[in-house]
Amino acid sequence: MKKPSESYAGQRRTQQPSNELSLATLEWLQGLPAEVRPEALPNQYGRVANALRLCWGRPEACLDYFEDLLIDRRGDRLGFPADVVMEIAVLKDYYEAAVHGAAQTVWDHISRRYH
C-alpha cells in the first residue's frame, strides 16, 4: 500500500503547456503582417505563441503577458535568446500601435482626449 504522501505527490504534478503550435495559433501567425510575424518565437517557444494568440483579443491580459515576457520580475529567469526578445518587442509594439491602439506616452493620452 502506498503512503498517502506518495499518492498525493503523484496527483500534484501539473501538465506543462504544449510547445506544439495549435492550428488556431498557426492561422493567427499567418494573419499577422509579414514585418511583425515572429519566426524564432513559435519555432522555439510554441507554448508562448499559443498563449499570445489566446490573449490577443483581451488587451489588458495581452499587455500584461507581454510585460511578463519582457521583464523578469522574479529575478531567476534565464531569459529568451536575443532574436526571440526582438520578435516579442516588435510584436508588442505592433499590438500597442495597430491592434489595441494603446497610448505610448502621456502626450498620446492628451492628444486622444482633445481630438
PDB file of N, CA and C in Angstrom:
ATOM      1  N   MET A   1       0.842  -1.183   0.000  1.00  0.00           N
ATOM      2  CA  MET A   1       0.000   0.000   0.000  1.00  0.00           C
ATOM      3  C   MET A   1       0.890   1.249   0.000  1.00  0.00           C
ATOM      4  N   LYS A   2       0.525   2.226  -0.833  1.00  0.00           N
ATOM      5  CA  LYS A   2       1.294   3.464  -0.914  1.00  0.00           C
ATOM      6  C   LYS A   2       1.007   4.344   0.280  1.00  0.00           C
ATOM      7  N   LYS A   3       2.012   5.074   0.667  1.00  0.00           N
ATOM      8  CA  LYS A   3       1.822   6.079   1.706  1.00  0.00           C
ATOM      9  C   LYS A   3       0.995   7.214   1.131  1.00  0.00           C
ATOM     10  N   PRO A   4       0.173   7.864   1.934  1.00  0.00           N
ATOM     11  CA  PRO A   4      -0.640   8.969   1.420  1.00  0.00           C
ATOM     12  C   PRO A   4       0.191  10.052   0.753  1.00  0.00           C
ATOM     13  N   SER A   5       1.366  10.363   1.283  1.00  0.00           N
ATOM     14  CA  SER A   5       2.182  11.430   0.696  1.00  0.00           C
ATOM     15  C   SER A   5       2.670  11.056  -0.706  1.00  0.00           C
ATOM     16  N   GLU A   6       2.929   9.756  -0.947  1.00  0.00           N
ATOM     17  CA  GLU A   6       3.383   9.333  -2.276  1.00  0.00           C
ATOM     18  C   GLU A   6       2.269   9.479  -3.304  1.00  0.00           C
ATOM     19  N   SER A   7       1.065   9.068  -2.958  1.00  0.00           N
ATOM     20  CA  SER A   7      -0.022   9.174  -3.926  1.00  0.00           C
ATOM     21  C   SER A   7      -0.397  10.635  -4.147  1.00  0.00           C
ATOM     22  N   TYR A   8      -0.328  11.438  -3.103  1.00  0.00           N
ATOM     23  CA  TYR A   8      -0.632  12.854  -3.237  1.00  0.00           C
ATOM     24  C   TYR A   8       0.392  13.547  -4.135  1.00  0.00           C
ATOM     25  N   ALA A   9       1.652  13.207  -3.977  1.00  0.00           N
ATOM     26  CA  ALA A   9       2.698  13.818  -4.800  1.00  0.00           C
ATOM     27  C   ALA A   9       2.461  13.526  -6.276  1.00  0.00           C
ATOM     28  N   GLY A  10       2.021  12.322  -6.588  1.00  0.00           N
ATOM     29  CA  GLY A  10       1.742  11.973  -7.977  1.00  0.00           C
ATOM     30  C   GLY A  10       0.575  12.760  -8.541  1.00  0.00           C
ATOM     31  N   GLN A  11      -0.398  13.099  -7.703  1.00  0.00           N
ATOM     32  CA  GLN A  11      -1.569  13.843  -8.151  1.00  0.00           C
ATOM     33  C   GLN A  11      -1.267  15.332  -8.317  1.00  0.00           C
ATOM     34  N   ARG A  12      -0.255  15.808  -7.629  1.00  0.00           N
ATOM     35  CA  ARG A  12       0.053  17.238  -7.649  1.00  0.00           C
ATOM     36  C   ARG A  12       0.770  17.680  -8.907  1.00  0.00           C
ATOM     37  N   ARG A  13       1.300  16.772  -9.655  1.00  0.00           N
ATOM     38  CA  ARG A  13       2.021  17.169 -10.871  1.00  0.00           C
ATOM     39  C   ARG A  13       1.084  17.922 -11.801  1.00  0.00           C
ATOM     40  N   THR A  14       1.601  18.997 -12.357  1.00  0.00           N
ATOM     41  CA  THR A  14       0.801  19.764 -13.301  1.00  0.00           C
ATOM     42  C   THR A  14       1.343  19.529 -14.696  1.00  0.00           C
ATOM     43  N   GLN A  15       0.446  19.555 -15.621  1.00  0.00           N
ATOM     44  CA  GLN A  15       0.837  19.336 -17.010  1.00  0.00           C
ATOM     45  C   GLN A  15       1.389  20.632 -17.579  1.00  0.00           C
ATOM     46  N   GLN A  16       2.535  20.561 -18.219  1.00  0.00           N
ATOM     47  CA  GLN A  16       3.138  21.727 -18.851  1.00  0.00           C
ATOM     48  C   GLN A  16       2.384  22.039 -20.144  1.00  0.00           C
ATOM     49  N   PRO A  17       2.256  23.338 -20.473  1.00  0.00           N
ATOM     50  CA  PRO A  17       1.614  23.693 -21.736  1.00  0.00           C
ATOM     51  C   PRO A  17       2.387  23.101 -22.910  1.00  0.00           C
ATOM     52  N   SER A  18       1.666  22.760 -23.938  1.00  0.00           N
ATOM     53  CA  SER A  18       2.279  22.152 -25.105  1.00  0.00           C
ATOM     54  C   SER A  18       3.158  23.148 -25.839  1.00  0.00           C
ATOM     55  N   ASN A  19       4.298  22.691 -26.285  1.00  0.00           N
ATOM     56  CA  ASN A  19       5.188  23.518 -27.089  1.00  0.00           C
ATOM     57  C   ASN A  19       4.838  23.402 -28.566  1.00  0.00           C
ATOM     58  N   GLU A  20       3.859  22.558 -28.867  1.00  0.00           N
ATOM     59  CA  GLU A  20       3.398  22.382 -30.244  1.00  0.00           C
ATOM     60  C   GLU A  20       2.385  23.471 -30.574  1.00  0.00           C
ATOM     61  N   LEU A  21       2.548  24.095 -31.724  1.00  0.00           N
ATOM     62  CA  LEU A  21       1.635  25.162 -32.130  1.00  0.00           C
ATOM     63  C   LEU A  21       0.266  24.599 -32.457  1.00  0.00           C
ATOM     64  N   SER A  22      -0.765  25.262 -31.963  1.00  0.00           N
ATOM     65  CA  SER A  22      -2.126  24.855 -32.300  1.00  0.00           C
ATOM     66  C   SER A  22      -2.466  25.360 -33.704  1.00  0.00           C
ATOM     67  N   LEU A  23      -3.464  24.772 -34.302  1.00  0.00           N
ATOM     68  CA  LEU A  23      -3.911  25.210 -35.625  1.00  0.00           C
ATOM     69  C   LEU A  23      -4.360  26.667 -35.566  1.00  0.00           C
ATOM     70  N   ALA A  24      -5.055  27.030 -34.496  1.00  0.00           N
ATOM     71  CA  ALA A  24      -5.512  28.417 -34.345  1.00  0.00           C
ATOM     72  C   ALA A  24      -4.326  29.377 -34.260  1.00  0.00           C
ATOM     73  N   THR A  25      -3.264  28.961 -33.597  1.00  0.00           N
ATOM     74  CA  THR A  25      -2.075  29.811 -33.500  1.00  0.00           C
ATOM     75  C   THR A  25      -1.403  29.948 -34.861  1.00  0.00           C
ATOM     76  N   LEU A  26      -1.323  28.870 -35.606  1.00  0.00           N
ATOM     77  CA  LEU A  26      -0.752  28.943 -36.956  1.00  0.00           C
ATOM     78  C   LEU A  26      -1.545  29.914 -37.822  1.00  0.00           C
ATOM     79  N   GLU A  27      -2.860  29.861 -37.735  1.00  0.00           N
ATOM     80  CA  GLU A  27      -3.708  30.777 -38.506  1.00  0.00           C
ATOM     81  C   GLU A  27      -3.507  32.225 -38.046  1.00  0.00           C
ATOM     82  N   TRP A  28      -3.403  32.422 -36.731  1.00  0.00           N
ATOM     83  CA  TRP A  28      -3.176  33.756 -36.185  1.00  0.00           C
ATOM     84  C   TRP A  28      -1.843  34.311 -36.689  1.00  0.00           C
ATOM     85  N   LEU A  29      -0.800  33.482 -36.660  1.00  0.00           N
ATOM     86  CA  LEU A  29       0.512  33.913 -37.148  1.00  0.00           C
ATOM     87  C   LEU A  29       0.445  34.307 -38.614  1.00  0.00           C
ATOM     88  N   GLN A  30      -0.252  33.524 -39.422  1.00  0.00           N
ATOM     89  CA  GLN A  30      -0.374  33.820 -40.855  1.00  0.00           C
ATOM     90  C   GLN A  30      -1.110  35.130 -41.093  1.00  0.00           C
ATOM     91  N   GLY A  31      -2.005  35.490 -40.179  1.00  0.00           N
ATOM     92  CA  GLY A  31      -2.769  36.717 -40.316  1.00  0.00           C
ATOM     93  C   GLY A  31      -2.003  37.977 -39.925  1.00  0.00           C
ATOM     94  N   LEU A  32      -0.859  37.804 -39.293  1.00  0.00           N
ATOM     95  CA  LEU A  32      -0.043  38.959 -38.906  1.00  0.00           C
ATOM     96  C   LEU A  32       0.710  39.503 -40.117  1.00  0.00           C
ATOM     97  N   PRO A  33       0.935  40.810 -40.170  1.00  0.00           N
ATOM     98  CA  PRO A  33       1.746  41.363 -41.261  1.00  0.00           C
ATOM     99  C   PRO A  33       3.146  40.728 -41.244  1.00  0.00           C
ATOM    100  N   ALA A  34       3.683  40.491 -42.413  1.00  0.00           N
ATOM    101  CA  ALA A  34       4.981  39.816 -42.535  1.00  0.00           C
ATOM    102  C   ALA A  34       6.083  40.515 -41.746  1.00  0.00           C
ATOM    103  N   GLU A  35       6.038  41.841 -41.670  1.00  0.00           N
ATOM    104  CA  GLU A  35       7.110  42.570 -40.997  1.00  0.00           C
ATOM    105  C   GLU A  35       7.088  42.423 -39.474  1.00  0.00           C
ATOM    106  N   VAL A  36       5.994  41.925 -38.911  1.00  0.00           N
ATOM    107  CA  VAL A  36       5.935  41.715 -37.458  1.00  0.00           C
ATOM    108  C   VAL A  36       5.762  40.245 -37.079  1.00  0.00           C
ATOM    109  N   ARG A  37       5.534  39.394 -38.070  1.00  0.00           N
ATOM    110  CA  ARG A  37       5.299  37.975 -37.803  1.00  0.00           C
ATOM    111  C   ARG A  37       6.563  37.319 -37.251  1.00  0.00           C
ATOM    112  N   PRO A  38       6.481  36.795 -36.034  1.00  0.00           N
ATOM    113  CA  PRO A  38       7.652  36.135 -35.445  1.00  0.00           C
ATOM    114  C   PRO A  38       7.937  34.795 -36.109  1.00  0.00           C
ATOM    115  N   GLU A  39       9.199  34.431 -36.175  1.00  0.00           N
ATOM    116  CA  GLU A  39       9.597  33.128 -36.711  1.00  0.00           C
ATOM    117  C   GLU A  39      10.303  32.296 -35.642  1.00  0.00           C
ATOM    118  N   ALA A  40      11.267  32.907 -34.962  1.00  0.00           N
ATOM    119  CA  ALA A  40      12.015  32.176 -33.929  1.00  0.00           C
ATOM    120  C   ALA A  40      11.119  31.847 -32.738  1.00  0.00           C
ATOM    121  N   LEU A  41      10.276  32.786 -32.337  1.00  0.00           N
ATOM    122  CA  LEU A  41       9.404  32.578 -31.180  1.00  0.00           C
ATOM    123  C   LEU A  41       8.538  31.330 -31.321  1.00  0.00           C
ATOM    124  N   PRO A  42       7.741  31.200 -32.391  1.00  0.00           N
ATOM    125  CA  PRO A  42       6.910  29.994 -32.482  1.00  0.00           C
ATOM    126  C   PRO A  42       7.713  28.711 -32.691  1.00  0.00           C
ATOM    127  N   ASN A  43       8.874  28.817 -33.314  1.00  0.00           N
ATOM    128  CA  ASN A  43       9.694  27.625 -33.517  1.00  0.00           C
ATOM    129  C   ASN A  43      10.347  27.139 -32.230  1.00  0.00           C
ATOM    130  N   GLN A  44      10.753  28.070 -31.386  1.00  0.00           N
ATOM    131  CA  GLN A  44      11.467  27.705 -30.161  1.00  0.00           C
ATOM    132  C   GLN A  44      10.571  27.669 -28.929  1.00  0.00           C
ATOM    133  N   TYR A  45       9.507  28.469 -28.922  1.00  0.00           N
ATOM    134  CA  TYR A  45       8.633  28.600 -27.751  1.00  0.00           C
ATOM    135  C   TYR A  45       7.171  28.573 -28.184  1.00  0.00           C
ATOM    136  N   GLY A  46       6.758  27.440 -28.689  1.00  0.00           N
ATOM    137  CA  GLY A  46       5.384  27.292 -29.170  1.00  0.00           C
ATOM    138  C   GLY A  46       4.346  27.610 -28.112  1.00  0.00           C
ATOM    139  N   ARG A  47       4.623  27.225 -26.869  1.00  0.00           N
ATOM    140  CA  ARG A  47       3.653  27.480 -25.793  1.00  0.00           C
ATOM    141  C   ARG A  47       3.439  28.976 -25.593  1.00  0.00           C
ATOM    142  N   VAL A  48       4.489  29.774 -25.793  1.00  0.00           N
ATOM    143  CA  VAL A  48       4.368  31.226 -25.658  1.00  0.00           C
ATOM    144  C   VAL A  48       3.534  31.785 -26.811  1.00  0.00           C
ATOM    145  N   ALA A  49       3.776  31.314 -28.020  1.00  0.00           N
ATOM    146  CA  ALA A  49       2.978  31.747 -29.172  1.00  0.00           C
ATOM    147  C   ALA A  49       1.514  31.367 -28.973  1.00  0.00           C
ATOM    148  N   ASN A  50       1.259  30.158 -28.487  1.00  0.00           N
ATOM    149  CA  ASN A  50      -0.122  29.732 -28.214  1.00  0.00           C
ATOM    150  C   ASN A  50      -0.774  30.646 -27.185  1.00  0.00           C
ATOM    151  N   ALA A  51      -0.044  31.001 -26.139  1.00  0.00           N
ATOM    152  CA  ALA A  51      -0.579  31.863 -25.083  1.00  0.00           C
ATOM    153  C   ALA A  51      -0.849  33.273 -25.615  1.00  0.00           C
ATOM    154  N   LEU A  52       0.037  33.796 -26.456  1.00  0.00           N
ATOM    155  CA  LEU A  52      -0.191  35.118 -27.043  1.00  0.00           C
ATOM    156  C   LEU A  52      -1.453  35.118 -27.896  1.00  0.00           C
ATOM    157  N   ARG A  53      -1.617  34.091 -28.681  1.00  0.00           N
ATOM    158  CA  ARG A  53      -2.823  34.006 -29.511  1.00  0.00           C
ATOM    159  C   ARG A  53      -4.080  33.969 -28.651  1.00  0.00           C
ATOM    160  N   LEU A  54      -4.020  33.266 -27.542  1.00  0.00           N
ATOM    161  CA  LEU A  54      -5.187  33.162 -26.660  1.00  0.00           C
ATOM    162  C   LEU A  54      -5.559  34.499 -26.018  1.00  0.00           C
ATOM    163  N   CYS A  55      -4.574  35.316 -25.682  1.00  0.00           N
ATOM    164  CA  CYS A  55      -4.889  36.586 -25.010  1.00  0.00           C
ATOM    165  C   CYS A  55      -4.960  37.763 -25.981  1.00  0.00           C
ATOM    166  N   TRP A  56      -4.690  37.547 -27.257  1.00  0.00           N
ATOM    167  CA  TRP A  56      -4.615  38.617 -28.256  1.00  0.00           C
ATOM    168  C   TRP A  56      -5.854  39.510 -28.257  1.00  0.00           C
ATOM    169  N   GLY A  57      -7.016  38.967 -28.051  1.00  0.00           N
ATOM    170  CA  GLY A  57      -8.257  39.746 -28.083  1.00  0.00           C
ATOM    171  C   GLY A  57      -8.618  40.401 -26.761  1.00  0.00           C
ATOM    172  N   ARG A  58      -7.788  40.231 -25.754  1.00  0.00           N
ATOM    173  CA  ARG A  58      -8.030  40.815 -24.429  1.00  0.00           C
ATOM    174  C   ARG A  58      -6.866  41.748 -24.102  1.00  0.00           C
ATOM    175  N   PRO A  59      -6.993  43.021 -24.441  1.00  0.00           N
ATOM    176  CA  PRO A  59      -5.866  43.955 -24.341  1.00  0.00           C
ATOM    177  C   PRO A  59      -5.150  43.974 -23.000  1.00  0.00           C
ATOM    178  N   GLU A  60      -5.873  44.050 -21.908  1.00  0.00           N
ATOM    179  CA  GLU A  60      -5.200  44.128 -20.610  1.00  0.00           C
ATOM    180  C   GLU A  60      -4.392  42.863 -20.339  1.00  0.00           C
ATOM    181  N   ALA A  61      -4.984  41.715 -20.611  1.00  0.00           N
ATOM    182  CA  ALA A  61      -4.279  40.445 -20.394  1.00  0.00           C
ATOM    183  C   ALA A  61      -3.089  40.317 -21.325  1.00  0.00           C
ATOM    184  N   CYS A  62      -3.259  40.736 -22.568  1.00  0.00           N
ATOM    185  CA  CYS A  62      -2.185  40.605 -23.553  1.00  0.00           C
ATOM    186  C   CYS A  62      -1.014  41.526 -23.201  1.00  0.00           C
ATOM    187  N   LEU A  63      -1.301  42.755 -22.841  1.00  0.00           N
ATOM    188  CA  LEU A  63      -0.233  43.678 -22.479  1.00  0.00           C
ATOM    189  C   LEU A  63       0.488  43.216 -21.212  1.00  0.00           C
ATOM    190  N   ASP A  64      -0.270  42.682 -20.264  1.00  0.00           N
ATOM    191  CA  ASP A  64       0.360  42.120 -19.059  1.00  0.00           C
ATOM    192  C   ASP A  64       1.274  40.962 -19.419  1.00  0.00           C
ATOM    193  N   TYR A  65       0.818  40.116 -20.343  1.00  0.00           N
ATOM    194  CA  TYR A  65       1.627  38.964 -20.745  1.00  0.00           C
ATOM    195  C   TYR A  65       2.904  39.415 -21.453  1.00  0.00           C
ATOM    196  N   PHE A  66       2.779  40.409 -22.325  1.00  0.00           N
ATOM    197  CA  PHE A  66       3.979  40.954 -22.974  1.00  0.00           C
ATOM    198  C   PHE A  66       4.972  41.444 -21.925  1.00  0.00           C
ATOM    199  N   GLU A  67       4.471  42.167 -20.934  1.00  0.00           N
ATOM    200  CA  GLU A  67       5.356  42.675 -19.877  1.00  0.00           C
ATOM    201  C   GLU A  67       6.018  41.525 -19.125  1.00  0.00           C
ATOM    202  N   ASP A  68       5.249  40.480 -18.820  1.00  0.00           N
ATOM    203  CA  ASP A  68       5.808  39.316 -18.129  1.00  0.00           C
ATOM    204  C   ASP A  68       6.897  38.644 -18.954  1.00  0.00           C
ATOM    205  N   LEU A  69       6.712  38.634 -20.268  1.00  0.00           N
ATOM    206  CA  LEU A  69       7.706  38.014 -21.140  1.00  0.00           C
ATOM    207  C   LEU A  69       8.990  38.833 -21.220  1.00  0.00           C
ATOM    208  N   LEU A  70       8.848  40.145 -21.191  1.00  0.00           N
ATOM    209  CA  LEU A  70       9.996  41.015 -21.421  1.00  0.00           C
ATOM    210  C   LEU A  70      10.699  41.479 -20.144  1.00  0.00           C
ATOM    211  N   ILE A  71      10.018  41.396 -19.010  1.00  0.00           N
ATOM    212  CA  ILE A  71      10.597  41.876 -17.751  1.00  0.00           C
ATOM    213  C   ILE A  71      10.625  40.734 -16.743  1.00  0.00           C
ATOM    214  N   ASP A  72      11.804  40.450 -16.210  1.00  0.00           N
ATOM    215  CA  ASP A  72      11.966  39.396 -15.211  1.00  0.00           C
ATOM    216  C   ASP A  72      11.693  39.980 -13.829  1.00  0.00           C
ATOM    217  N   ARG A  73      10.500  39.734 -13.321  1.00  0.00           N
ATOM    218  CA  ARG A  73      10.124  40.252 -12.012  1.00  0.00           C
ATOM    219  C   ARG A  73      10.533  39.322 -10.875  1.00  0.00           C
ATOM    220  N   ARG A  74      10.845  38.075 -11.208  1.00  0.00           N
ATOM    221  CA  ARG A  74      11.220  37.108 -10.180  1.00  0.00           C
ATOM    222  C   ARG A  74      12.723  37.079  -9.945  1.00  0.00           C
ATOM    223  N   GLY A  75      13.494  37.490 -10.941  1.00  0.00           N
ATOM    224  CA  GLY A  75      14.936  37.537 -10.789  1.00  0.00           C
ATOM    225  C   GLY A  75      15.655  36.221 -10.983  1.00  0.00           C
ATOM    226  N   ASP A  76      14.933  35.195 -11.417  1.00  0.00           N
ATOM    227  CA  ASP A  76      15.574  33.886 -11.552  1.00  0.00           C
ATOM    228  C   ASP A  76      15.409  33.264 -12.934  1.00  0.00           C
ATOM    229  N   ARG A  77      14.964  34.047 -13.880  1.00  0.00           N
ATOM    230  CA  ARG A  77      14.745  33.504 -15.221  1.00  0.00           C
ATOM    231  C   ARG A  77      15.994  33.652 -16.072  1.00  0.00           C
ATOM    232  N   LEU A  78      16.160  32.704 -16.983  1.00  0.00           N
ATOM    233  CA  LEU A  78      17.307  32.750 -17.884  1.00  0.00           C
ATOM    234  C   LEU A  78      17.104  33.761 -19.002  1.00  0.00           C
ATOM    235  N   GLY A  79      15.882  33.988 -19.386  1.00  0.00           N
ATOM    236  CA  GLY A  79      15.585  34.915 -20.465  1.00  0.00           C
ATOM    237  C   GLY A  79      15.553  34.216 -21.805  1.00  0.00           C
ATOM    238  N   PHE A  80      15.050  34.920 -22.778  1.00  0.00           N
ATOM    239  CA  PHE A  80      14.955  34.406 -24.139  1.00  0.00           C
ATOM    240  C   PHE A  80      16.212  34.776 -24.913  1.00  0.00           C
ATOM    241  N   PRO A  81      16.494  34.032 -25.983  1.00  0.00           N
ATOM    242  CA  PRO A  81      17.583  34.451 -26.881  1.00  0.00           C
ATOM    243  C   PRO A  81      17.255  35.818 -27.485  1.00  0.00           C
ATOM    244  N   ALA A  82      18.278  36.540 -27.901  1.00  0.00           N
ATOM    245  CA  ALA A  82      18.104  37.903 -28.413  1.00  0.00           C
ATOM    246  C   ALA A  82      17.104  37.986 -29.565  1.00  0.00           C
ATOM    247  N   ASP A  83      17.132  37.020 -30.497  1.00  0.00           N
ATOM    248  CA  ASP A  83      16.208  37.095 -31.633  1.00  0.00           C
ATOM    249  C   ASP A  83      14.762  36.956 -31.186  1.00  0.00           C
ATOM    250  N   VAL A  84      14.511  36.146 -30.173  1.00  0.00           N
ATOM    251  CA  VAL A  84      13.157  35.965 -29.661  1.00  0.00           C
ATOM    252  C   VAL A  84      12.710  37.222 -28.914  1.00  0.00           C
ATOM    253  N   VAL A  85      13.602  37.817 -28.131  1.00  0.00           N
ATOM    254  CA  VAL A  85      13.275  39.056 -27.417  1.00  0.00           C
ATOM    255  C   VAL A  85      12.890  40.141 -28.418  1.00  0.00           C
ATOM    256  N   MET A  86      13.652  40.256 -29.496  1.00  0.00           N
ATOM    257  CA  MET A  86      13.353  41.271 -30.513  1.00  0.00           C
ATOM    258  C   MET A  86      11.989  41.017 -31.154  1.00  0.00           C
ATOM    259  N   GLU A  87      11.689  39.761 -31.441  1.00  0.00           N
ATOM    260  CA  GLU A  87      10.384  39.441 -32.041  1.00  0.00           C
ATOM    261  C   GLU A  87       9.239  39.777 -31.088  1.00  0.00           C
ATOM    262  N   ILE A  88       9.411  39.479 -29.813  1.00  0.00           N
ATOM    263  CA  ILE A  88       8.374  39.798 -28.830  1.00  0.00           C
ATOM    264  C   ILE A  88       8.200  41.313 -28.736  1.00  0.00           C
ATOM    265  N   ALA A  89       9.304  42.051 -28.714  1.00  0.00           N
ATOM    266  CA  ALA A  89       9.234  43.509 -28.625  1.00  0.00           C
ATOM    267  C   ALA A  89       8.550  44.108 -29.853  1.00  0.00           C
ATOM    268  N   VAL A  90       8.882  43.614 -31.039  1.00  0.00           N
ATOM    269  CA  VAL A  90       8.249  44.103 -32.272  1.00  0.00           C
ATOM    270  C   VAL A  90       6.759  43.781 -32.260  1.00  0.00           C
ATOM    271  N   LEU A  91       6.404  42.596 -31.830  1.00  0.00           N
ATOM    272  CA  LEU A  91       5.003  42.192 -31.766  1.00  0.00           C
ATOM    273  C   LEU A  91       4.243  43.046 -30.751  1.00  0.00           C
ATOM    274  N   LYS A  92       4.879  43.342 -29.629  1.00  0.00           N
ATOM    275  CA  LYS A  92       4.257  44.200 -28.604  1.00  0.00           C
ATOM    276  C   LYS A  92       4.041  45.608 -29.159  1.00  0.00           C
ATOM    277  N   ASP A  93       5.036  46.157 -29.832  1.00  0.00           N
ATOM    278  CA  ASP A  93       4.888  47.484 -30.434  1.00  0.00           C
ATOM    279  C   ASP A  93       3.746  47.500 -31.442  1.00  0.00           C
ATOM    280  N   TYR A  94       3.684  46.482 -32.277  1.00  0.00           N
ATOM    281  CA  TYR A  94       2.601  46.366 -33.258  1.00  0.00           C
ATOM    282  C   TYR A  94       1.251  46.300 -32.545  1.00  0.00           C
ATOM    283  N   TYR A  95       1.180  45.493 -31.507  1.00  0.00           N
ATOM    284  CA  TYR A  95      -0.071  45.338 -30.765  1.00  0.00           C
ATOM    285  C   TYR A  95      -0.519  46.676 -30.189  1.00  0.00           C
ATOM    286  N   GLU A  96       0.421  47.384 -29.569  1.00  0.00           N
ATOM    287  CA  GLU A  96       0.079  48.670 -28.959  1.00  0.00           C
ATOM    288  C   GLU A  96      -0.271  49.732 -29.989  1.00  0.00           C
ATOM    289  N   ALA A  97       0.384  49.721 -31.126  1.00  0.00           N
ATOM    290  CA  ALA A  97       0.171  50.756 -32.135  1.00  0.00           C
ATOM    291  C   ALA A  97      -1.000  50.464 -33.068  1.00  0.00           C
ATOM    292  N   ALA A  98      -1.130  49.228 -33.522  1.00  0.00           N
ATOM    293  CA  ALA A  98      -2.101  48.924 -34.565  1.00  0.00           C
ATOM    294  C   ALA A  98      -3.305  48.103 -34.098  1.00  0.00           C
ATOM    295  N   VAL A  99      -3.090  47.198 -33.178  1.00  0.00           N
ATOM    296  CA  VAL A  99      -4.177  46.299 -32.774  1.00  0.00           C
ATOM    297  C   VAL A  99      -4.998  46.909 -31.650  1.00  0.00           C
ATOM    298  N   HIS A 100      -4.331  47.234 -30.587  1.00  0.00           N
ATOM    299  CA  HIS A 100      -5.039  47.758 -29.418  1.00  0.00           C
ATOM    300  C   HIS A 100      -5.079  49.278 -29.406  1.00  0.00           C
ATOM    301  N   GLY A 101      -4.126  49.906 -30.033  1.00  0.00           N
ATOM    302  CA  GLY A 101      -4.101  51.366 -30.088  1.00  0.00           C
ATOM    303  C   GLY A 101      -3.830  52.015 -28.754  1.00  0.00           C
ATOM    304  N   ALA A 102      -3.013  51.369 -27.931  1.00  0.00           N
ATOM    305  CA  ALA A 102      -2.676  51.922 -26.621  1.00  0.00           C
ATOM    306  C   ALA A 102      -1.802  53.161 -26.785  1.00  0.00           C
ATOM    307  N   ALA A 103      -2.032  54.143 -25.945  1.00  0.00           N
ATOM    308  CA  ALA A 103      -1.212  55.343 -25.957  1.00  0.00           C
ATOM    309  C   ALA A 103       0.205  54.993 -25.532  1.00  0.00           C
ATOM    310  N   GLN A 104       1.177  55.524 -26.242  1.00  0.00           N
ATOM    311  CA  GLN A 104       2.575  55.222 -25.965  1.00  0.00           C
ATOM    312  C   GLN A 104       3.192  56.162 -24.944  1.00  0.00           C
ATOM    313  N   THR A 105       2.722  57.400 -24.912  1.00  0.00           N
ATOM    314  CA  THR A 105       3.275  58.396 -23.995  1.00  0.00           C
ATOM    315  C   THR A 105       2.128  59.203 -23.391  1.00  0.00           C
ATOM    316  N   VAL A 106       2.456  60.043 -22.443  1.00  0.00           N
ATOM    317  CA  VAL A 106       1.446  60.913 -21.861  1.00  0.00           C
ATOM    318  C   VAL A 106       0.876  61.856 -22.923  1.00  0.00           C
ATOM    319  N   TRP A 107       1.691  62.231 -23.910  1.00  0.00           N
ATOM    320  CA  TRP A 107       1.217  63.120 -24.978  1.00  0.00           C
ATOM    321  C   TRP A 107       0.191  62.426 -25.854  1.00  0.00           C
ATOM    322  N   ASP A 108       0.316  61.126 -26.024  1.00  0.00           N
ATOM    323  CA  ASP A 108      -0.690  60.369 -26.764  1.00  0.00           C
ATOM    324  C   ASP A 108      -2.025  60.414 -26.035  1.00  0.00           C
ATOM    325  N   HIS A 109      -1.998  60.296 -24.714  1.00  0.00           N
ATOM    326  CA  HIS A 109      -3.227  60.385 -23.916  1.00  0.00           C
ATOM    327  C   HIS A 109      -3.881  61.752 -24.100  1.00  0.00           C
ATOM    328  N   ILE A 110      -3.065  62.816 -24.038  1.00  0.00           N
ATOM    329  CA  ILE A 110      -3.590  64.167 -24.166  1.00  0.00           C
ATOM    330  C   ILE A 110      -4.163  64.377 -25.554  1.00  0.00           C
ATOM    331  N   SER A 111      -3.438  63.931 -26.580  1.00  0.00           N
ATOM    332  CA  SER A 111      -3.888  64.098 -27.952  1.00  0.00           C
ATOM    333  C   SER A 111      -5.226  63.406 -28.196  1.00  0.00           C
ATOM    334  N   ARG A 112      -5.371  62.203 -27.687  1.00  0.00           N
ATOM    335  CA  ARG A 112      -6.631  61.458 -27.886  1.00  0.00           C
ATOM    336  C   ARG A 112      -7.786  62.130 -27.158  1.00  0.00           C
ATOM    337  N   ARG A 113      -7.506  62.729 -26.035  1.00  0.00           N
ATOM    338  CA  ARG A 113      -8.555  63.344 -25.244  1.00  0.00           C
ATOM    339  C   ARG A 113      -9.141  64.539 -25.981  1.00  0.00           C
ATOM    340  N   TYR A 114      -8.311  65.290 -26.716  1.00  0.00           N
ATOM    341  CA  TYR A 114      -8.763  66.522 -27.351  1.00  0.00           C
ATOM    342  C   TYR A 114      -9.021  66.388 -28.847  1.00  0.00           C
ATOM    343  N   HIS A 115      -8.957  65.194 -29.384  1.00  0.00           N
ATOM    344  CA  HIS A 115      -9.244  65.008 -30.816  1.00  0.00           C
ATOM    345  C   HIS A 115     -10.432  64.127 -31.018  1.00  0.00           C
TER     346      HIS A 115
END
